N, C-alpha and C. Protein backbone atom coordinates (compact mmCIF):
# COMPACT_ATOMS: atom_id res chain seq x y z
N MET A 1 0.84 -1.20 0.00
CA MET A 1 0.00 0.00 0.00
C MET A 1 0.87 1.25 0.00
N LYS A 2 0.60 2.16 -0.93
CA LYS A 2 1.38 3.38 -1.07
C LYS A 2 0.51 4.60 -0.81
N ARG A 3 1.17 5.74 -0.64
CA ARG A 3 0.42 6.99 -0.43
C ARG A 3 -0.51 7.29 -1.59
N ARG A 4 -0.06 6.95 -2.79
CA ARG A 4 -0.90 7.25 -3.95
C ARG A 4 -2.18 6.41 -3.95
N ASP A 5 -2.13 5.21 -3.34
CA ASP A 5 -3.34 4.40 -3.21
C ASP A 5 -4.38 5.13 -2.36
N LEU A 6 -3.92 5.69 -1.24
CA LEU A 6 -4.83 6.39 -0.34
C LEU A 6 -5.34 7.67 -0.96
N LEU A 7 -4.46 8.36 -1.70
CA LEU A 7 -4.89 9.57 -2.40
C LEU A 7 -5.95 9.24 -3.45
N ALA A 8 -5.73 8.14 -4.18
CA ALA A 8 -6.70 7.73 -5.19
C ALA A 8 -8.05 7.41 -4.56
N GLU A 9 -8.05 6.73 -3.41
CA GLU A 9 -9.30 6.43 -2.72
C GLU A 9 -10.01 7.70 -2.26
N ALA A 10 -9.24 8.66 -1.75
CA ALA A 10 -9.83 9.93 -1.31
C ALA A 10 -10.41 10.70 -2.48
N VAL A 11 -9.66 10.77 -3.58
CA VAL A 11 -10.11 11.52 -4.75
C VAL A 11 -11.35 10.87 -5.37
N GLY A 12 -11.32 9.55 -5.51
CA GLY A 12 -12.45 8.85 -6.09
C GLY A 12 -13.72 8.99 -5.27
N THR A 13 -13.59 8.89 -3.94
CA THR A 13 -14.76 9.02 -3.08
C THR A 13 -15.25 10.47 -3.06
N PHE A 14 -14.30 11.42 -3.12
CA PHE A 14 -14.69 12.83 -3.25
C PHE A 14 -15.54 13.02 -4.50
N ALA A 15 -15.08 12.49 -5.62
CA ALA A 15 -15.83 12.64 -6.88
C ALA A 15 -17.21 12.03 -6.78
N LEU A 16 -17.30 10.84 -6.18
CA LEU A 16 -18.58 10.17 -6.02
C LEU A 16 -19.56 11.02 -5.22
N VAL A 17 -19.12 11.51 -4.07
CA VAL A 17 -20.02 12.27 -3.20
C VAL A 17 -20.32 13.65 -3.78
N PHE A 18 -19.30 14.29 -4.35
CA PHE A 18 -19.52 15.63 -4.91
C PHE A 18 -20.50 15.58 -6.07
N ALA A 19 -20.30 14.63 -6.99
CA ALA A 19 -21.18 14.53 -8.15
C ALA A 19 -22.55 13.96 -7.77
N GLY A 20 -22.55 12.86 -7.00
CA GLY A 20 -23.80 12.18 -6.68
C GLY A 20 -24.72 12.98 -5.78
N THR A 21 -24.19 13.38 -4.62
CA THR A 21 -25.05 14.17 -3.72
C THR A 21 -25.22 15.59 -4.26
N GLY A 22 -24.23 16.05 -5.03
CA GLY A 22 -24.39 17.34 -5.69
C GLY A 22 -25.57 17.33 -6.65
N ALA A 23 -25.76 16.22 -7.36
CA ALA A 23 -26.92 16.09 -8.26
C ALA A 23 -28.22 16.16 -7.47
N ILE A 24 -28.25 15.56 -6.28
CA ILE A 24 -29.45 15.62 -5.44
C ILE A 24 -29.73 17.06 -5.02
N VAL A 25 -28.68 17.75 -4.57
CA VAL A 25 -28.84 19.13 -4.12
C VAL A 25 -29.32 20.03 -5.26
N ILE A 26 -28.67 19.91 -6.41
CA ILE A 26 -29.03 20.76 -7.55
C ILE A 26 -30.44 20.43 -8.05
N ASN A 27 -30.80 19.16 -8.00
CA ASN A 27 -32.17 18.79 -8.37
C ASN A 27 -33.19 19.46 -7.45
N ASP A 28 -32.87 19.51 -6.16
CA ASP A 28 -33.79 20.13 -5.19
C ASP A 28 -33.94 21.63 -5.43
N ILE A 29 -32.82 22.31 -5.64
CA ILE A 29 -32.89 23.77 -5.71
C ILE A 29 -33.36 24.26 -7.09
N THR A 30 -33.36 23.37 -8.09
CA THR A 30 -33.83 23.76 -9.42
C THR A 30 -35.22 23.22 -9.73
N GLY A 31 -35.88 22.66 -8.72
CA GLY A 31 -37.23 22.16 -8.92
C GLY A 31 -37.32 20.92 -9.78
N GLY A 32 -36.30 20.07 -9.71
CA GLY A 32 -36.34 18.79 -10.42
C GLY A 32 -35.69 18.79 -11.78
N ALA A 33 -34.79 19.73 -12.05
CA ALA A 33 -34.15 19.79 -13.37
C ALA A 33 -33.30 18.57 -13.67
N VAL A 34 -32.69 18.00 -12.65
CA VAL A 34 -31.83 16.82 -12.86
C VAL A 34 -32.67 15.56 -12.99
N SER A 35 -33.68 15.41 -12.17
CA SER A 35 -34.61 14.28 -12.13
C SER A 35 -34.02 13.08 -11.40
N HIS A 36 -34.91 12.19 -10.99
CA HIS A 36 -34.46 10.97 -10.31
C HIS A 36 -33.60 10.12 -11.23
N ILE A 37 -33.98 10.04 -12.50
CA ILE A 37 -33.18 9.26 -13.45
C ILE A 37 -31.80 9.88 -13.59
N GLY A 38 -31.75 11.20 -13.66
CA GLY A 38 -30.47 11.89 -13.78
C GLY A 38 -29.57 11.66 -12.59
N ILE A 39 -30.15 11.67 -11.40
CA ILE A 39 -29.38 11.42 -10.19
C ILE A 39 -28.81 10.01 -10.21
N SER A 40 -29.64 9.05 -10.56
CA SER A 40 -29.19 7.65 -10.61
C SER A 40 -28.06 7.47 -11.61
N LEU A 41 -28.21 8.08 -12.78
CA LEU A 41 -27.16 7.97 -13.80
C LEU A 41 -25.88 8.68 -13.36
N THR A 42 -26.02 9.78 -12.63
CA THR A 42 -24.83 10.49 -12.13
C THR A 42 -24.01 9.58 -11.22
N PHE A 43 -24.67 8.91 -10.29
CA PHE A 43 -23.95 8.00 -9.40
C PHE A 43 -23.27 6.88 -10.19
N GLY A 44 -23.98 6.29 -11.13
CA GLY A 44 -23.38 5.21 -11.90
C GLY A 44 -22.25 5.67 -12.79
N LEU A 45 -22.41 6.83 -13.43
CA LEU A 45 -21.40 7.31 -14.37
C LEU A 45 -20.14 7.80 -13.67
N VAL A 46 -20.29 8.43 -12.51
CA VAL A 46 -19.09 8.90 -11.82
C VAL A 46 -18.26 7.72 -11.32
N ILE A 47 -18.93 6.67 -10.88
CA ILE A 47 -18.19 5.47 -10.47
C ILE A 47 -17.50 4.82 -11.66
N LEU A 48 -18.21 4.73 -12.78
CA LEU A 48 -17.60 4.17 -13.99
C LEU A 48 -16.34 4.95 -14.36
N ALA A 49 -16.44 6.28 -14.36
CA ALA A 49 -15.30 7.11 -14.73
C ALA A 49 -14.14 6.96 -13.76
N MET A 50 -14.44 6.91 -12.46
CA MET A 50 -13.38 6.82 -11.46
C MET A 50 -12.71 5.44 -11.48
N ILE A 51 -13.45 4.39 -11.80
CA ILE A 51 -12.83 3.06 -11.93
C ILE A 51 -11.84 3.08 -13.08
N TYR A 52 -12.24 3.67 -14.20
CA TYR A 52 -11.32 3.76 -15.33
C TYR A 52 -10.10 4.60 -14.99
N ALA A 53 -10.31 5.69 -14.25
CA ALA A 53 -9.21 6.62 -13.96
C ALA A 53 -8.28 6.12 -12.88
N LEU A 54 -8.82 5.44 -11.87
CA LEU A 54 -8.04 5.15 -10.67
C LEU A 54 -7.97 3.67 -10.30
N GLY A 55 -8.67 2.82 -11.04
CA GLY A 55 -8.70 1.41 -10.69
C GLY A 55 -7.34 0.74 -10.69
N ASP A 56 -6.47 1.14 -11.59
CA ASP A 56 -5.13 0.55 -11.66
C ASP A 56 -4.24 1.01 -10.50
N ILE A 57 -4.64 2.06 -9.82
CA ILE A 57 -3.83 2.58 -8.71
C ILE A 57 -4.23 1.96 -7.39
N SER A 58 -5.46 2.20 -6.97
CA SER A 58 -5.89 1.75 -5.63
C SER A 58 -6.84 0.57 -5.67
N GLY A 59 -7.38 0.27 -6.86
CA GLY A 59 -8.42 -0.75 -6.93
C GLY A 59 -9.80 -0.15 -6.99
N ALA A 60 -9.91 1.18 -6.79
CA ALA A 60 -11.19 1.90 -6.94
C ALA A 60 -12.29 1.33 -6.05
N HIS A 61 -12.00 1.22 -4.75
CA HIS A 61 -13.04 0.77 -3.82
C HIS A 61 -14.07 1.88 -3.60
N PHE A 62 -13.60 3.04 -3.12
CA PHE A 62 -14.42 4.23 -2.88
C PHE A 62 -15.60 3.96 -1.95
N ASN A 63 -15.48 2.94 -1.11
CA ASN A 63 -16.62 2.49 -0.31
C ASN A 63 -16.10 1.59 0.81
N PRO A 64 -16.28 1.97 2.08
CA PRO A 64 -15.81 1.12 3.17
C PRO A 64 -16.37 -0.30 3.14
N ALA A 65 -17.63 -0.44 2.69
CA ALA A 65 -18.21 -1.78 2.62
C ALA A 65 -17.49 -2.64 1.60
N VAL A 66 -17.08 -2.04 0.47
CA VAL A 66 -16.34 -2.78 -0.54
C VAL A 66 -14.96 -3.16 -0.02
N THR A 67 -14.31 -2.25 0.67
CA THR A 67 -12.99 -2.56 1.24
C THR A 67 -13.09 -3.71 2.24
N ILE A 68 -14.09 -3.67 3.10
CA ILE A 68 -14.28 -4.75 4.08
C ILE A 68 -14.65 -6.04 3.36
N GLY A 69 -15.44 -5.95 2.30
CA GLY A 69 -15.77 -7.13 1.52
C GLY A 69 -14.54 -7.77 0.89
N PHE A 70 -13.67 -6.94 0.31
CA PHE A 70 -12.43 -7.47 -0.26
C PHE A 70 -11.55 -8.11 0.82
N TRP A 71 -11.52 -7.50 2.00
CA TRP A 71 -10.73 -8.08 3.09
C TRP A 71 -11.34 -9.43 3.53
N ALA A 72 -12.66 -9.47 3.67
CA ALA A 72 -13.32 -10.72 4.06
C ALA A 72 -13.10 -11.81 3.02
N ALA A 73 -12.95 -11.41 1.76
CA ALA A 73 -12.68 -12.36 0.69
C ALA A 73 -11.19 -12.69 0.56
N ARG A 74 -10.39 -12.11 1.45
CA ARG A 74 -8.94 -12.33 1.48
C ARG A 74 -8.25 -11.85 0.21
N ARG A 75 -8.75 -10.73 -0.31
CA ARG A 75 -8.14 -10.17 -1.51
C ARG A 75 -7.27 -8.95 -1.21
N ILE A 76 -7.36 -8.40 0.00
CA ILE A 76 -6.47 -7.33 0.42
C ILE A 76 -5.98 -7.64 1.82
N GLU A 77 -4.86 -7.06 2.18
CA GLU A 77 -4.30 -7.26 3.51
C GLU A 77 -5.09 -6.49 4.57
N ARG A 78 -5.13 -7.04 5.77
CA ARG A 78 -5.84 -6.37 6.86
C ARG A 78 -5.27 -4.99 7.14
N SER A 79 -3.96 -4.82 6.96
CA SER A 79 -3.32 -3.54 7.23
C SER A 79 -3.80 -2.43 6.32
N ALA A 80 -4.41 -2.78 5.19
CA ALA A 80 -4.88 -1.76 4.25
C ALA A 80 -6.29 -1.28 4.57
N VAL A 81 -7.02 -2.02 5.38
CA VAL A 81 -8.44 -1.74 5.57
C VAL A 81 -8.68 -0.37 6.21
N LEU A 82 -8.10 -0.12 7.36
CA LEU A 82 -8.35 1.14 8.05
C LEU A 82 -7.85 2.35 7.26
N PRO A 83 -6.61 2.32 6.71
CA PRO A 83 -6.18 3.47 5.90
C PRO A 83 -7.10 3.75 4.70
N TYR A 84 -7.57 2.69 4.05
CA TYR A 84 -8.49 2.88 2.93
C TYR A 84 -9.78 3.54 3.40
N ILE A 85 -10.35 3.04 4.49
CA ILE A 85 -11.62 3.58 4.98
C ILE A 85 -11.46 5.03 5.42
N LEU A 86 -10.38 5.35 6.10
CA LEU A 86 -10.15 6.73 6.53
C LEU A 86 -9.99 7.65 5.32
N SER A 87 -9.30 7.19 4.30
CA SER A 87 -9.14 7.99 3.08
C SER A 87 -10.47 8.21 2.39
N GLN A 88 -11.28 7.17 2.31
CA GLN A 88 -12.60 7.29 1.69
C GLN A 88 -13.47 8.29 2.45
N CYS A 89 -13.48 8.19 3.76
CA CYS A 89 -14.30 9.10 4.57
C CYS A 89 -13.79 10.54 4.47
N ALA A 90 -12.48 10.70 4.40
CA ALA A 90 -11.91 12.05 4.26
C ALA A 90 -12.34 12.68 2.94
N GLY A 91 -12.26 11.91 1.86
CA GLY A 91 -12.68 12.43 0.56
C GLY A 91 -14.16 12.78 0.54
N ALA A 92 -14.98 11.92 1.15
CA ALA A 92 -16.42 12.17 1.20
C ALA A 92 -16.74 13.42 2.02
N LEU A 93 -16.07 13.57 3.16
CA LEU A 93 -16.31 14.74 4.01
C LEU A 93 -15.90 16.03 3.31
N LEU A 94 -14.79 15.99 2.59
CA LEU A 94 -14.36 17.17 1.86
C LEU A 94 -15.39 17.57 0.81
N ALA A 95 -15.97 16.58 0.14
CA ALA A 95 -17.00 16.85 -0.87
C ALA A 95 -18.23 17.49 -0.23
N SER A 96 -18.68 16.96 0.90
CA SER A 96 -19.86 17.51 1.55
C SER A 96 -19.60 18.91 2.11
N LEU A 97 -18.40 19.14 2.60
CA LEU A 97 -18.06 20.49 3.08
C LEU A 97 -18.05 21.49 1.93
N LEU A 98 -17.54 21.08 0.78
CA LEU A 98 -17.54 21.97 -0.37
C LEU A 98 -18.97 22.25 -0.83
N LEU A 99 -19.82 21.23 -0.83
CA LEU A 99 -21.21 21.43 -1.20
C LEU A 99 -21.92 22.36 -0.21
N ARG A 100 -21.56 22.27 1.06
CA ARG A 100 -22.13 23.20 2.05
C ARG A 100 -21.73 24.64 1.74
N LEU A 101 -20.49 24.83 1.32
CA LEU A 101 -20.04 26.18 0.95
C LEU A 101 -20.77 26.69 -0.30
N LEU A 102 -20.98 25.80 -1.25
CA LEU A 102 -21.63 26.19 -2.50
C LEU A 102 -23.13 26.39 -2.34
N PHE A 103 -23.76 25.58 -1.49
CA PHE A 103 -25.21 25.61 -1.32
C PHE A 103 -25.56 25.69 0.17
N PRO A 104 -25.26 26.81 0.81
CA PRO A 104 -25.41 26.91 2.27
C PRO A 104 -26.85 26.79 2.77
N ALA A 105 -27.82 27.03 1.90
CA ALA A 105 -29.22 26.98 2.34
C ALA A 105 -29.82 25.59 2.25
N HIS A 106 -29.13 24.67 1.59
CA HIS A 106 -29.72 23.34 1.43
C HIS A 106 -29.68 22.59 2.76
N GLU A 107 -30.78 21.97 3.12
CA GLU A 107 -30.90 21.38 4.46
C GLU A 107 -30.11 20.11 4.65
N SER A 108 -30.23 19.15 3.72
CA SER A 108 -29.69 17.81 3.98
C SER A 108 -28.43 17.48 3.21
N LEU A 109 -28.09 18.23 2.16
CA LEU A 109 -26.90 17.98 1.33
C LEU A 109 -26.90 16.58 0.72
N GLY A 110 -28.09 16.05 0.48
CA GLY A 110 -28.17 14.74 -0.13
C GLY A 110 -28.00 13.58 0.83
N ALA A 111 -28.15 13.83 2.12
CA ALA A 111 -28.04 12.75 3.11
C ALA A 111 -29.11 11.70 2.85
N THR A 112 -28.78 10.44 3.04
CA THR A 112 -29.73 9.35 2.83
C THR A 112 -30.61 9.18 4.06
N GLN A 113 -31.92 9.13 3.80
CA GLN A 113 -32.89 8.96 4.87
C GLN A 113 -34.00 8.03 4.38
N PRO A 114 -34.49 7.16 5.25
CA PRO A 114 -35.55 6.23 4.82
C PRO A 114 -36.86 6.94 4.57
N ALA A 115 -37.56 6.54 3.51
CA ALA A 115 -38.87 7.11 3.22
C ALA A 115 -39.97 6.41 3.98
N GLY A 116 -39.67 5.22 4.51
CA GLY A 116 -40.65 4.44 5.25
C GLY A 116 -40.03 3.91 6.53
N PRO A 117 -40.45 2.74 6.99
CA PRO A 117 -39.89 2.17 8.22
C PRO A 117 -38.38 1.92 8.12
N ALA A 118 -37.70 2.06 9.24
CA ALA A 118 -36.25 1.87 9.26
C ALA A 118 -35.87 0.46 8.82
N LEU A 119 -36.63 -0.54 9.26
CA LEU A 119 -36.32 -1.93 8.90
C LEU A 119 -36.42 -2.14 7.39
N GLN A 120 -37.39 -1.51 6.77
CA GLN A 120 -37.55 -1.62 5.32
C GLN A 120 -36.29 -1.13 4.60
N SER A 121 -35.78 0.03 5.00
CA SER A 121 -34.58 0.56 4.37
C SER A 121 -33.35 -0.25 4.73
N PHE A 122 -33.31 -0.78 5.95
CA PHE A 122 -32.17 -1.62 6.34
C PHE A 122 -32.09 -2.85 5.45
N VAL A 123 -33.22 -3.50 5.23
CA VAL A 123 -33.22 -4.70 4.38
C VAL A 123 -32.87 -4.33 2.94
N LEU A 124 -33.45 -3.24 2.45
CA LEU A 124 -33.14 -2.80 1.10
C LEU A 124 -31.65 -2.52 0.91
N GLU A 125 -31.07 -1.75 1.83
CA GLU A 125 -29.66 -1.41 1.72
C GLU A 125 -28.77 -2.65 1.83
N SER A 126 -29.17 -3.60 2.66
CA SER A 126 -28.40 -4.84 2.77
C SER A 126 -28.42 -5.62 1.46
N VAL A 127 -29.60 -5.75 0.86
CA VAL A 127 -29.74 -6.50 -0.38
C VAL A 127 -29.04 -5.77 -1.53
N LEU A 128 -29.22 -4.46 -1.59
CA LEU A 128 -28.57 -3.69 -2.65
C LEU A 128 -27.06 -3.83 -2.59
N THR A 129 -26.50 -3.74 -1.39
CA THR A 129 -25.04 -3.86 -1.25
C THR A 129 -24.59 -5.29 -1.51
N PHE A 130 -25.40 -6.24 -1.12
CA PHE A 130 -25.10 -7.65 -1.43
C PHE A 130 -24.94 -7.83 -2.94
N LEU A 131 -25.88 -7.32 -3.70
CA LEU A 131 -25.83 -7.47 -5.15
C LEU A 131 -24.64 -6.71 -5.74
N LEU A 132 -24.40 -5.50 -5.24
CA LEU A 132 -23.27 -4.71 -5.71
C LEU A 132 -21.95 -5.43 -5.44
N MET A 133 -21.77 -5.91 -4.22
CA MET A 133 -20.53 -6.57 -3.85
C MET A 133 -20.34 -7.87 -4.62
N LEU A 134 -21.43 -8.58 -4.86
CA LEU A 134 -21.34 -9.82 -5.63
C LEU A 134 -20.84 -9.54 -7.04
N VAL A 135 -21.39 -8.51 -7.66
CA VAL A 135 -20.93 -8.13 -9.00
C VAL A 135 -19.45 -7.72 -8.96
N ILE A 136 -19.07 -6.92 -7.97
CA ILE A 136 -17.69 -6.47 -7.86
C ILE A 136 -16.74 -7.66 -7.73
N LEU A 137 -17.08 -8.60 -6.88
CA LEU A 137 -16.21 -9.76 -6.67
C LEU A 137 -16.07 -10.59 -7.94
N GLN A 138 -17.14 -10.65 -8.72
CA GLN A 138 -17.13 -11.49 -9.91
C GLN A 138 -16.40 -10.84 -11.09
N VAL A 139 -16.31 -9.50 -11.10
CA VAL A 139 -15.69 -8.84 -12.25
C VAL A 139 -14.34 -8.21 -11.93
N SER A 140 -13.94 -8.23 -10.67
CA SER A 140 -12.68 -7.59 -10.27
C SER A 140 -11.52 -8.57 -10.40
N THR A 141 -10.32 -7.99 -10.38
CA THR A 141 -9.09 -8.78 -10.40
C THR A 141 -8.42 -8.65 -9.05
N GLY A 142 -8.41 -9.74 -8.28
CA GLY A 142 -7.88 -9.67 -6.92
C GLY A 142 -8.69 -8.69 -6.10
N GLY A 143 -8.01 -7.70 -5.51
CA GLY A 143 -8.69 -6.68 -4.72
C GLY A 143 -8.88 -5.39 -5.47
N LYS A 144 -8.91 -5.47 -6.81
CA LYS A 144 -9.00 -4.25 -7.61
C LYS A 144 -10.16 -4.29 -8.60
N GLU A 145 -10.90 -3.18 -8.63
CA GLU A 145 -11.87 -2.95 -9.68
C GLU A 145 -11.14 -2.17 -10.76
N LYS A 146 -10.96 -2.77 -11.91
CA LYS A 146 -10.25 -2.08 -12.98
C LYS A 146 -10.62 -2.69 -14.32
N GLY A 147 -10.46 -1.89 -15.36
CA GLY A 147 -10.73 -2.38 -16.70
C GLY A 147 -12.14 -2.07 -17.17
N ILE A 148 -12.37 -2.32 -18.46
CA ILE A 148 -13.65 -2.00 -19.08
C ILE A 148 -14.79 -2.78 -18.46
N THR A 149 -14.58 -4.07 -18.22
CA THR A 149 -15.66 -4.90 -17.67
C THR A 149 -16.09 -4.42 -16.30
N ALA A 150 -15.14 -4.18 -15.41
CA ALA A 150 -15.48 -3.76 -14.05
C ALA A 150 -16.16 -2.40 -14.06
N GLY A 151 -15.63 -1.45 -14.83
CA GLY A 151 -16.22 -0.12 -14.85
C GLY A 151 -17.66 -0.14 -15.30
N MET A 152 -17.93 -0.82 -16.39
CA MET A 152 -19.28 -0.86 -16.93
C MET A 152 -20.23 -1.63 -16.01
N ALA A 153 -19.79 -2.77 -15.49
CA ALA A 153 -20.66 -3.59 -14.66
C ALA A 153 -20.99 -2.90 -13.34
N VAL A 154 -19.98 -2.35 -12.68
CA VAL A 154 -20.21 -1.72 -11.38
C VAL A 154 -21.01 -0.44 -11.54
N GLY A 155 -20.65 0.38 -12.53
CA GLY A 155 -21.41 1.59 -12.77
C GLY A 155 -22.86 1.30 -13.09
N ALA A 156 -23.10 0.25 -13.88
CA ALA A 156 -24.46 -0.10 -14.28
C ALA A 156 -25.28 -0.57 -13.09
N VAL A 157 -24.71 -1.40 -12.22
CA VAL A 157 -25.49 -1.92 -11.10
C VAL A 157 -25.81 -0.81 -10.10
N ILE A 158 -24.89 0.15 -9.93
CA ILE A 158 -25.17 1.27 -9.03
C ILE A 158 -26.30 2.12 -9.59
N ALA A 159 -26.24 2.43 -10.89
CA ALA A 159 -27.32 3.22 -11.50
C ALA A 159 -28.65 2.47 -11.44
N LEU A 160 -28.62 1.18 -11.72
CA LEU A 160 -29.84 0.37 -11.70
C LEU A 160 -30.47 0.36 -10.31
N GLU A 161 -29.67 0.12 -9.30
CA GLU A 161 -30.21 0.04 -7.95
C GLU A 161 -30.70 1.39 -7.46
N ALA A 162 -30.01 2.46 -7.85
CA ALA A 162 -30.48 3.80 -7.49
C ALA A 162 -31.80 4.11 -8.18
N LEU A 163 -31.98 3.64 -9.40
CA LEU A 163 -33.21 3.91 -10.14
C LEU A 163 -34.43 3.35 -9.42
N PHE A 164 -34.35 2.11 -8.95
CA PHE A 164 -35.56 1.52 -8.38
C PHE A 164 -35.67 1.65 -6.87
N ALA A 165 -34.55 1.74 -6.17
CA ALA A 165 -34.62 1.76 -4.70
C ALA A 165 -34.34 3.14 -4.10
N GLY A 166 -33.80 4.04 -4.89
CA GLY A 166 -33.48 5.37 -4.38
C GLY A 166 -34.63 6.08 -3.69
N PRO A 167 -35.86 6.05 -4.25
CA PRO A 167 -36.96 6.76 -3.60
C PRO A 167 -37.34 6.21 -2.22
N ILE A 168 -36.95 5.00 -1.91
CA ILE A 168 -37.31 4.41 -0.61
C ILE A 168 -36.18 4.52 0.40
N SER A 169 -34.99 4.02 0.06
CA SER A 169 -33.89 3.99 1.04
C SER A 169 -32.78 4.99 0.73
N GLY A 170 -32.79 5.56 -0.47
CA GLY A 170 -31.69 6.41 -0.89
C GLY A 170 -30.64 5.66 -1.69
N ALA A 171 -30.69 4.33 -1.65
CA ALA A 171 -29.74 3.48 -2.40
C ALA A 171 -28.31 3.93 -2.19
N SER A 172 -27.90 4.00 -0.95
CA SER A 172 -26.54 4.44 -0.63
C SER A 172 -25.52 3.35 -0.93
N MET A 173 -25.66 2.21 -0.30
CA MET A 173 -24.74 1.07 -0.46
C MET A 173 -23.31 1.42 -0.06
N ASN A 174 -23.15 2.51 0.66
CA ASN A 174 -21.80 3.04 0.91
C ASN A 174 -21.79 3.89 2.18
N PRO A 175 -21.19 3.38 3.26
CA PRO A 175 -21.16 4.15 4.52
C PRO A 175 -20.53 5.53 4.39
N ALA A 176 -19.48 5.67 3.58
CA ALA A 176 -18.82 6.97 3.44
C ALA A 176 -19.73 7.97 2.73
N ARG A 177 -20.44 7.50 1.71
CA ARG A 177 -21.36 8.36 0.97
C ARG A 177 -22.46 8.90 1.87
N SER A 178 -22.93 8.08 2.83
CA SER A 178 -23.98 8.52 3.75
C SER A 178 -23.44 9.28 4.95
N LEU A 179 -22.26 8.89 5.42
CA LEU A 179 -21.69 9.52 6.61
C LEU A 179 -21.41 11.00 6.39
N ALA A 180 -20.81 11.34 5.27
CA ALA A 180 -20.34 12.71 5.06
C ALA A 180 -21.48 13.74 5.07
N PRO A 181 -22.51 13.59 4.22
CA PRO A 181 -23.58 14.59 4.26
C PRO A 181 -24.35 14.58 5.57
N ALA A 182 -24.45 13.40 6.21
CA ALA A 182 -25.16 13.33 7.50
C ALA A 182 -24.42 14.14 8.56
N LEU A 183 -23.10 14.02 8.60
CA LEU A 183 -22.31 14.77 9.58
C LEU A 183 -22.36 16.27 9.32
N VAL A 184 -22.18 16.65 8.07
CA VAL A 184 -22.12 18.08 7.74
C VAL A 184 -23.48 18.75 7.91
N SER A 185 -24.56 18.03 7.60
CA SER A 185 -25.91 18.61 7.72
C SER A 185 -26.57 18.29 9.06
N LEU A 186 -25.90 17.44 9.87
CA LEU A 186 -26.40 17.03 11.19
C LEU A 186 -27.72 16.25 11.09
N HIS A 187 -27.87 15.46 10.03
CA HIS A 187 -29.00 14.54 9.92
C HIS A 187 -28.51 13.14 10.29
N LEU A 188 -28.46 12.88 11.58
CA LEU A 188 -27.78 11.68 12.09
C LEU A 188 -28.72 10.58 12.56
N ALA A 189 -30.02 10.85 12.58
CA ALA A 189 -30.95 9.93 13.23
C ALA A 189 -30.93 8.53 12.64
N HIS A 190 -30.82 8.42 11.34
CA HIS A 190 -30.89 7.11 10.69
C HIS A 190 -29.55 6.67 10.11
N LEU A 191 -28.48 7.31 10.52
CA LEU A 191 -27.18 6.99 9.96
C LEU A 191 -26.78 5.54 10.19
N TRP A 192 -27.21 4.96 11.31
CA TRP A 192 -26.84 3.58 11.63
C TRP A 192 -27.26 2.61 10.52
N ILE A 193 -28.40 2.89 9.88
CA ILE A 193 -28.86 2.02 8.80
C ILE A 193 -27.82 1.95 7.69
N TYR A 194 -27.29 3.12 7.34
CA TYR A 194 -26.42 3.24 6.17
C TYR A 194 -24.97 2.89 6.47
N ILE A 195 -24.70 2.56 7.72
CA ILE A 195 -23.39 2.02 8.08
C ILE A 195 -23.47 0.51 8.24
N LEU A 196 -24.46 0.04 8.99
CA LEU A 196 -24.55 -1.39 9.28
C LEU A 196 -25.07 -2.21 8.10
N ALA A 197 -26.09 -1.71 7.41
CA ALA A 197 -26.69 -2.50 6.33
C ALA A 197 -25.71 -2.79 5.19
N PRO A 198 -24.96 -1.79 4.70
CA PRO A 198 -23.99 -2.11 3.63
C PRO A 198 -22.93 -3.11 4.07
N LEU A 199 -22.48 -3.01 5.31
CA LEU A 199 -21.48 -3.96 5.80
C LEU A 199 -22.06 -5.37 5.84
N THR A 200 -23.31 -5.49 6.28
CA THR A 200 -23.98 -6.79 6.32
C THR A 200 -24.09 -7.39 4.92
N GLY A 201 -24.55 -6.57 3.97
CA GLY A 201 -24.71 -7.05 2.61
C GLY A 201 -23.40 -7.43 1.95
N ALA A 202 -22.37 -6.64 2.18
CA ALA A 202 -21.07 -6.91 1.55
C ALA A 202 -20.47 -8.22 2.04
N VAL A 203 -20.53 -8.44 3.35
CA VAL A 203 -19.98 -9.68 3.90
C VAL A 203 -20.79 -10.88 3.43
N GLY A 204 -22.10 -10.72 3.35
CA GLY A 204 -22.93 -11.81 2.84
C GLY A 204 -22.57 -12.19 1.42
N ALA A 205 -22.26 -11.19 0.61
CA ALA A 205 -21.89 -11.44 -0.79
C ALA A 205 -20.61 -12.24 -0.90
N VAL A 206 -19.70 -12.04 0.05
CA VAL A 206 -18.42 -12.77 0.03
C VAL A 206 -18.67 -14.27 0.13
N PHE A 207 -19.56 -14.67 1.02
CA PHE A 207 -19.83 -16.10 1.20
C PHE A 207 -20.50 -16.70 -0.03
N VAL A 208 -21.41 -15.96 -0.65
CA VAL A 208 -22.07 -16.46 -1.86
C VAL A 208 -21.07 -16.55 -3.01
N ALA A 209 -20.24 -15.54 -3.18
CA ALA A 209 -19.23 -15.55 -4.25
C ALA A 209 -18.27 -16.71 -4.07
N ARG A 210 -17.90 -16.97 -2.83
CA ARG A 210 -16.99 -18.09 -2.55
C ARG A 210 -17.62 -19.42 -2.94
N SER A 211 -18.93 -19.55 -2.65
CA SER A 211 -19.64 -20.78 -3.02
C SER A 211 -19.75 -20.92 -4.53
N LEU A 212 -19.99 -19.82 -5.22
CA LEU A 212 -20.10 -19.85 -6.68
C LEU A 212 -18.78 -20.26 -7.32
N GLN A 213 -17.69 -19.75 -6.77
CA GLN A 213 -16.38 -20.00 -7.37
C GLN A 213 -15.85 -21.41 -7.05
N SER A 214 -16.38 -22.01 -5.97
CA SER A 214 -15.91 -23.34 -5.60
C SER A 214 -16.80 -24.45 -6.13
N SER A 215 -17.92 -24.08 -6.74
CA SER A 215 -18.86 -25.09 -7.23
C SER A 215 -18.35 -25.75 -8.51
């Protein structure tokens, strides 16, 4: 693990949160100019672009749940887990702070919040992350998301899941993506969902992927 790996994780997660939650903020203040479809595509496309740009450097995790999933799958060393997660959270926080400066009147900064019961969103986020992590494990090389296949597959599944589940749970699938706007906007009540559920789903995907590969 090198400094450039951590910088790549910070930059990639910054791009994800700045573009993705920025699309939510701009959609709100423009009366729906971006649209739900536009927001979903923004999340998928920024991940696709960042995998192409940075996948060969850090593996393009940009998500603590993905990093923990790769560790549980024994594809990265334990010593890399905490530095990766701290870098991801730092990049996400920087993005939310910048959005606060740009849009000081916006209340939530794109923080993920359940539209219905907490358990409903917890299950949704767990399943969404399970599917995302399963795809990542199947298309990645070792502990790295890189190349045309990984970029297209991961970007597509993120956009797809945001399209259908975003209106209910926010389709975060990423503790760093949810943590940053929640901290900056002080919308902390349901943050536990968006930390625990993605971790649950990611670890579950590791066991299924292992069974698929050993069959």
